[in-house]
Amino acid sequence: MTWLRRRLGVLRDQRGSALVEFVFIALVVFVPLIYVVAGFSAVQRGVFASSAAAREAGRAIGTAPDAVAGHERALRAAQLAVEDQSVDATDVRLFYVPAEADCESGGGYSPTLTPGEEFSVCVTVTVRIPLLPEFIDANTATGEFVVERDRYVDG
């Protein structure tokens, strides 16, 4: 019995240390883990925003009566799709490439919206990771949507 009392006496001296250790471990492990999860979710939100914006912009320009109205519709549709994912719509770039090219080749293509025309709509969204400075904007997500105008159009 004296052995047990001596053993409990040793434990009595360490009362409250488990709480301190838990708080320290929580700060060291959980705070960076939460930041990493928030960063990954911001990047994923940007990827979703760019692909949804490209799809909606492609649908908008594909059904437009002319190229000027189509570009305005596509730009507005892309902005709405990006805002829907809670991404800042000021960091959106909309451009077009020929059907054979990929979005990394840049823009410079202007669709004419003739029947049977095929081109890709590309939307690039700059993704802001939480708590990083504004000048770090190298994180971009690009969505692509291939548009094929109907060969038979009323007109």
C-alpha atoms as a PDB file:
ATOM      1  CA  MET A   1       0.000   0.000   0.000  1.00  0.00           C
ATOM      2  CA  THR A   2       2.859   2.362   0.722  1.00  0.00           C
ATOM      3  CA  TRP A   3       4.156   1.677  -2.747  1.00  0.00           C
ATOM      4  CA  LEU A   4       0.879   2.863  -4.230  1.00  0.00           C
ATOM      5  CA  ARG A   5       0.874   6.022  -2.116  1.00  0.00           C
ATOM      6  CA  ARG A   6       4.402   6.855  -3.208  1.00  0.00           C
ATOM      7  CA  ARG A   7       3.431   6.252  -6.844  1.00  0.00           C
ATOM      8  CA  LEU A   8       0.387   8.528  -6.555  1.00  0.00           C
ATOM      9  CA  GLY A   9       2.536  11.161  -4.901  1.00  0.00           C
ATOM     10  CA  VAL A  10       4.751  11.290  -7.985  1.00  0.00           C
ATOM     11  CA  LEU A  11       1.691  11.704 -10.190  1.00  0.00           C
ATOM     12  CA  ARG A  12       0.325  14.451  -7.953  1.00  0.00           C
ATOM     13  CA  ASP A  13       3.365  16.604  -8.750  1.00  0.00           C
ATOM     14  CA  GLN A  14       2.575  16.496 -12.487  1.00  0.00           C
ATOM     15  CA  ARG A  15      -1.027  17.611 -12.171  1.00  0.00           C
ATOM     16  CA  GLY A  16      -2.033  19.915 -15.086  1.00  0.00           C
ATOM     17  CA  SER A  17       0.920  19.089 -17.321  1.00  0.00           C
ATOM     18  CA  ALA A  18      -1.258  17.060 -19.711  1.00  0.00           C
ATOM     19  CA  LEU A  19      -3.319  20.156 -20.472  1.00  0.00           C
ATOM     20  CA  VAL A  20      -0.197  22.181 -21.250  1.00  0.00           C
ATOM     21  CA  GLU A  21       1.142  19.425 -23.495  1.00  0.00           C
ATOM     22  CA  PHE A  22      -2.176  19.129 -25.317  1.00  0.00           C
ATOM     23  CA  VAL A  23      -2.358  22.877 -25.968  1.00  0.00           C
ATOM     24  CA  PHE A  24       1.235  22.908 -27.236  1.00  0.00           C
ATOM     25  CA  ILE A  25       0.651  19.928 -29.555  1.00  0.00           C
ATOM     26  CA  ALA A  26      -2.621  21.454 -30.780  1.00  0.00           C
ATOM     27  CA  LEU A  27      -0.876  24.697 -31.706  1.00  0.00           C
ATOM     28  CA  VAL A  28       2.069  22.986 -33.367  1.00  0.00           C
ATOM     29  CA  VAL A  29       0.066  20.394 -35.313  1.00  0.00           C
ATOM     30  CA  PHE A  30      -3.488  21.597 -35.829  1.00  0.00           C
ATOM     31  CA  VAL A  31      -2.907  25.230 -36.831  1.00  0.00           C
ATOM     32  CA  PRO A  32      -0.604  24.335 -39.767  1.00  0.00           C
ATOM     33  CA  LEU A  33      -2.936  21.492 -40.708  1.00  0.00           C
ATOM     34  CA  ILE A  34      -5.898  23.854 -40.867  1.00  0.00           C
ATOM     35  CA  TYR A  35      -3.855  26.289 -42.976  1.00  0.00           C
ATOM     36  CA  VAL A  36      -2.899  23.528 -45.421  1.00  0.00           C
ATOM     37  CA  VAL A  37      -6.529  22.426 -45.732  1.00  0.00           C
ATOM     38  CA  ALA A  38      -7.614  26.045 -46.319  1.00  0.00           C
ATOM     39  CA  GLY A  39      -4.912  26.470 -48.968  1.00  0.00           C
ATOM     40  CA  PHE A  40      -5.885  23.287 -50.806  1.00  0.00           C
ATOM     41  CA  SER A  41      -9.549  24.239 -50.704  1.00  0.00           C
ATOM     42  CA  ALA A  42      -8.734  27.670 -52.183  1.00  0.00           C
ATOM     43  CA  VAL A  43      -6.821  26.046 -55.027  1.00  0.00           C
ATOM     44  CA  GLN A  44      -9.601  23.524 -55.623  1.00  0.00           C
ATOM     45  CA  ARG A  45     -12.176  26.316 -55.611  1.00  0.00           C
ATOM     46  CA  GLY A  46     -10.129  28.084 -58.298  1.00  0.00           C
ATOM     47  CA  VAL A  47      -9.974  24.936 -60.419  1.00  0.00           C
ATOM     48  CA  PHE A  48     -13.738  24.469 -60.132  1.00  0.00           C
ATOM     49  CA  ALA A  49     -14.288  28.137 -60.958  1.00  0.00           C
ATOM     50  CA  SER A  50     -12.118  28.045 -64.082  1.00  0.00           C
ATOM     51  CA  SER A  51     -13.693  24.895 -65.492  1.00  0.00           C
ATOM     52  CA  ALA A  52     -17.242  26.084 -64.767  1.00  0.00           C
ATOM     53  CA  ALA A  53     -16.467  29.510 -66.226  1.00  0.00           C
ATOM     54  CA  ALA A  54     -15.051  27.994 -69.420  1.00  0.00           C
ATOM     55  CA  ARG A  55     -18.094  25.758 -69.831  1.00  0.00           C
ATOM     56  CA  GLU A  56     -20.586  28.576 -69.267  1.00  0.00           C
ATOM     57  CA  ALA A  57     -18.650  31.002 -71.487  1.00  0.00           C
ATOM     58  CA  GLY A  58     -18.533  28.377 -74.234  1.00  0.00           C
ATOM     59  CA  ARG A  59     -22.266  27.827 -74.044  1.00  0.00           C
ATOM     60  CA  ALA A  60     -22.891  31.571 -74.098  1.00  0.00           C
ATOM     61  CA  ILE A  61     -20.746  32.287 -77.129  1.00  0.00           C
ATOM     62  CA  GLY A  62     -21.891  29.126 -78.917  1.00  0.00           C
ATOM     63  CA  THR A  63     -25.502  30.292 -78.914  1.00  0.00           C
ATOM     64  CA  ALA A  64     -24.819  33.968 -79.677  1.00  0.00           C
ATOM     65  CA  PRO A  65     -26.080  35.587 -82.898  1.00  0.00           C
ATOM     66  CA  ASP A  66     -22.762  37.335 -83.660  1.00  0.00           C
ATOM     67  CA  ALA A  67     -19.179  37.477 -82.406  1.00  0.00           C
ATOM     68  CA  VAL A  68     -19.408  40.811 -80.562  1.00  0.00           C
ATOM     69  CA  ALA A  69     -22.526  39.870 -78.626  1.00  0.00           C
ATOM     70  CA  GLY A  70     -21.079  36.400 -78.095  1.00  0.00           C
ATOM     71  CA  HIS A  71     -17.908  37.726 -76.503  1.00  0.00           C
ATOM     72  CA  GLU A  72     -19.906  39.995 -74.172  1.00  0.00           C
ATOM     73  CA  ARG A  73     -22.168  37.095 -73.201  1.00  0.00           C
ATOM     74  CA  ALA A  74     -19.198  34.799 -72.667  1.00  0.00           C
ATOM     75  CA  LEU A  75     -17.386  37.319 -70.497  1.00  0.00           C
ATOM     76  CA  ARG A  76     -20.452  37.883 -68.319  1.00  0.00           C
ATOM     77  CA  ALA A  77     -21.148  34.148 -68.056  1.00  0.00           C
ATOM     78  CA  ALA A  78     -17.544  33.508 -67.002  1.00  0.00           C
ATOM     79  CA  GLN A  79     -17.707  36.241 -64.371  1.00  0.00           C
ATOM     80  CA  LEU A  80     -20.939  34.824 -62.941  1.00  0.00           C
ATOM     81  CA  ALA A  81     -19.547  31.288 -62.833  1.00  0.00           C
ATOM     82  CA  VAL A  82     -16.401  32.472 -61.047  1.00  0.00           C
ATOM     83  CA  GLU A  83     -18.386  34.525 -58.548  1.00  0.00           C
ATOM     84  CA  ASP A  84     -20.548  31.472 -57.910  1.00  0.00           C
ATOM     85  CA  GLN A  85     -17.456  29.689 -56.554  1.00  0.00           C
ATOM     86  CA  SER A  86     -16.636  32.666 -54.261  1.00  0.00           C
ATOM     87  CA  VAL A  87     -13.553  33.618 -56.260  1.00  0.00           C
ATOM     88  CA  ASP A  88     -12.739  37.253 -57.010  1.00  0.00           C
ATOM     89  CA  ALA A  89     -14.029  37.888 -60.561  1.00  0.00           C
ATOM     90  CA  THR A  90     -11.435  40.599 -61.228  1.00  0.00           C
ATOM     91  CA  ASP A  91      -8.769  37.907 -61.653  1.00  0.00           C
ATOM     92  CA  VAL A  92     -10.432  36.264 -64.680  1.00  0.00           C
ATOM     93  CA  ARG A  93      -8.935  36.112 -68.164  1.00  0.00           C
ATOM     94  CA  LEU A  94     -11.096  34.874 -71.071  1.00  0.00           C
ATOM     95  CA  PHE A  95      -9.550  34.004 -74.431  1.00  0.00           C
ATOM     96  CA  TYR A  96     -10.077  31.722 -77.400  1.00  0.00           C
ATOM     97  CA  VAL A  97      -7.785  29.290 -79.227  1.00  0.00           C
ATOM     98  CA  PRO A  98      -8.292  27.152 -82.327  1.00  0.00           C
ATOM     99  CA  ALA A  99      -9.683  23.679 -81.695  1.00  0.00           C
ATOM    100  CA  GLU A 100      -6.337  21.954 -82.314  1.00  0.00           C
ATOM    101  CA  ALA A 101      -4.400  24.221 -79.930  1.00  0.00           C
ATOM    102  CA  ASP A 102      -4.280  24.045 -76.169  1.00  0.00           C
ATOM    103  CA  CYS A 103      -4.868  26.894 -73.758  1.00  0.00           C
ATOM    104  CA  GLU A 104      -1.179  27.209 -72.843  1.00  0.00           C
ATOM    105  CA  SER A 105      -0.477  28.556 -76.341  1.00  0.00           C
ATOM    106  CA  GLY A 106      -2.170  31.807 -75.337  1.00  0.00           C
ATOM    107  CA  GLY A 107      -4.906  33.679 -77.120  1.00  0.00           C
ATOM    108  CA  GLY A 108      -5.063  35.685 -80.286  1.00  0.00           C
ATOM    109  CA  TYR A 109      -7.828  33.696 -81.935  1.00  0.00           C
ATOM    110  CA  SER A 110     -11.083  35.486 -82.620  1.00  0.00           C
ATOM    111  CA  PRO A 111     -14.090  33.276 -83.335  1.00  0.00           C
ATOM    112  CA  THR A 112     -16.310  34.289 -86.251  1.00  0.00           C
ATOM    113  CA  LEU A 113     -19.230  32.069 -85.183  1.00  0.00           C
ATOM    114  CA  THR A 114     -19.749  30.670 -88.665  1.00  0.00           C
ATOM    115  CA  PRO A 115     -21.753  27.431 -88.914  1.00  0.00           C
ATOM    116  CA  GLY A 116     -19.530  24.438 -88.179  1.00  0.00           C
ATOM    117  CA  GLU A 117     -16.729  26.491 -86.598  1.00  0.00           C
ATOM    118  CA  GLU A 118     -14.857  24.745 -83.808  1.00  0.00           C
ATOM    119  CA  PHE A 119     -12.721  26.506 -81.202  1.00  0.00           C
ATOM    120  CA  SER A 120     -11.830  26.327 -77.525  1.00  0.00           C
ATOM    121  CA  VAL A 121     -12.819  28.780 -74.828  1.00  0.00           C
ATOM    122  CA  CYS A 122     -10.145  29.171 -72.159  1.00  0.00           C
ATOM    123  CA  VAL A 123     -10.647  30.842 -68.794  1.00  0.00           C
ATOM    124  CA  THR A 124      -7.726  31.485 -66.472  1.00  0.00           C
ATOM    125  CA  VAL A 125      -8.429  32.322 -62.841  1.00  0.00           C
ATOM    126  CA  THR A 126      -5.810  33.594 -60.412  1.00  0.00           C
ATOM    127  CA  VAL A 127      -6.109  31.751 -57.126  1.00  0.00           C
ATOM    128  CA  ARG A 128      -5.309  33.613 -53.910  1.00  0.00           C
ATOM    129  CA  ILE A 129      -4.117  31.405 -51.077  1.00  0.00           C
ATOM    130  CA  PRO A 130      -5.141  32.698 -47.631  1.00  0.00           C
ATOM    131  CA  LEU A 131      -2.619  34.772 -45.670  1.00  0.00           C
ATOM    132  CA  LEU A 132      -0.170  35.074 -48.565  1.00  0.00           C
ATOM    133  CA  PRO A 133       0.770  38.540 -49.838  1.00  0.00           C
ATOM    134  CA  GLU A 134      -1.034  39.984 -52.876  1.00  0.00           C
ATOM    135  CA  PHE A 135       2.076  40.029 -55.061  1.00  0.00           C
ATOM    136  CA  ILE A 136       2.226  36.230 -55.016  1.00  0.00           C
ATOM    137  CA  ASP A 137      -0.191  35.415 -57.833  1.00  0.00           C
ATOM    138  CA  ALA A 138       1.597  32.577 -59.612  1.00  0.00           C
ATOM    139  CA  ASN A 139      -1.197  30.159 -58.737  1.00  0.00           C
ATOM    140  CA  THR A 140      -3.493  30.054 -61.735  1.00  0.00           C
ATOM    141  CA  ALA A 141      -6.090  27.553 -62.852  1.00  0.00           C
ATOM    142  CA  THR A 142      -7.156  27.273 -66.483  1.00  0.00           C
ATOM    143  CA  GLY A 143     -10.389  25.720 -67.692  1.00  0.00           C
ATOM    144  CA  GLU A 144     -11.061  24.744 -71.290  1.00  0.00           C
ATOM    145  CA  PHE A 145     -14.290  24.072 -73.158  1.00  0.00           C
ATOM    146  CA  VAL A 146     -14.516  23.104 -76.839  1.00  0.00           C
ATOM    147  CA  VAL A 147     -17.294  24.877 -78.753  1.00  0.00           C
ATOM    148  CA  GLU A 148     -18.648  23.513 -82.008  1.00  0.00           C
ATOM    149  CA  ARG A 149     -21.194  25.718 -83.740  1.00  0.00           C
ATOM    150  CA  ASP A 150     -24.111  23.915 -85.355  1.00  0.00           C
ATOM    151  CA  ARG A 151     -23.651  23.376 -89.061  1.00  0.00           C
ATOM    152  CA  TYR A 152     -27.291  24.162 -89.711  1.00  0.00           C
ATOM    153  CA  VAL A 153     -28.312  27.526 -88.320  1.00  0.00           C
ATOM    154  CA  ASP A 154     -31.554  29.415 -88.874  1.00  0.00           C
ATOM    155  CA  GLY A 155     -30.876  32.530 -90.769  1.00  0.00           C
END
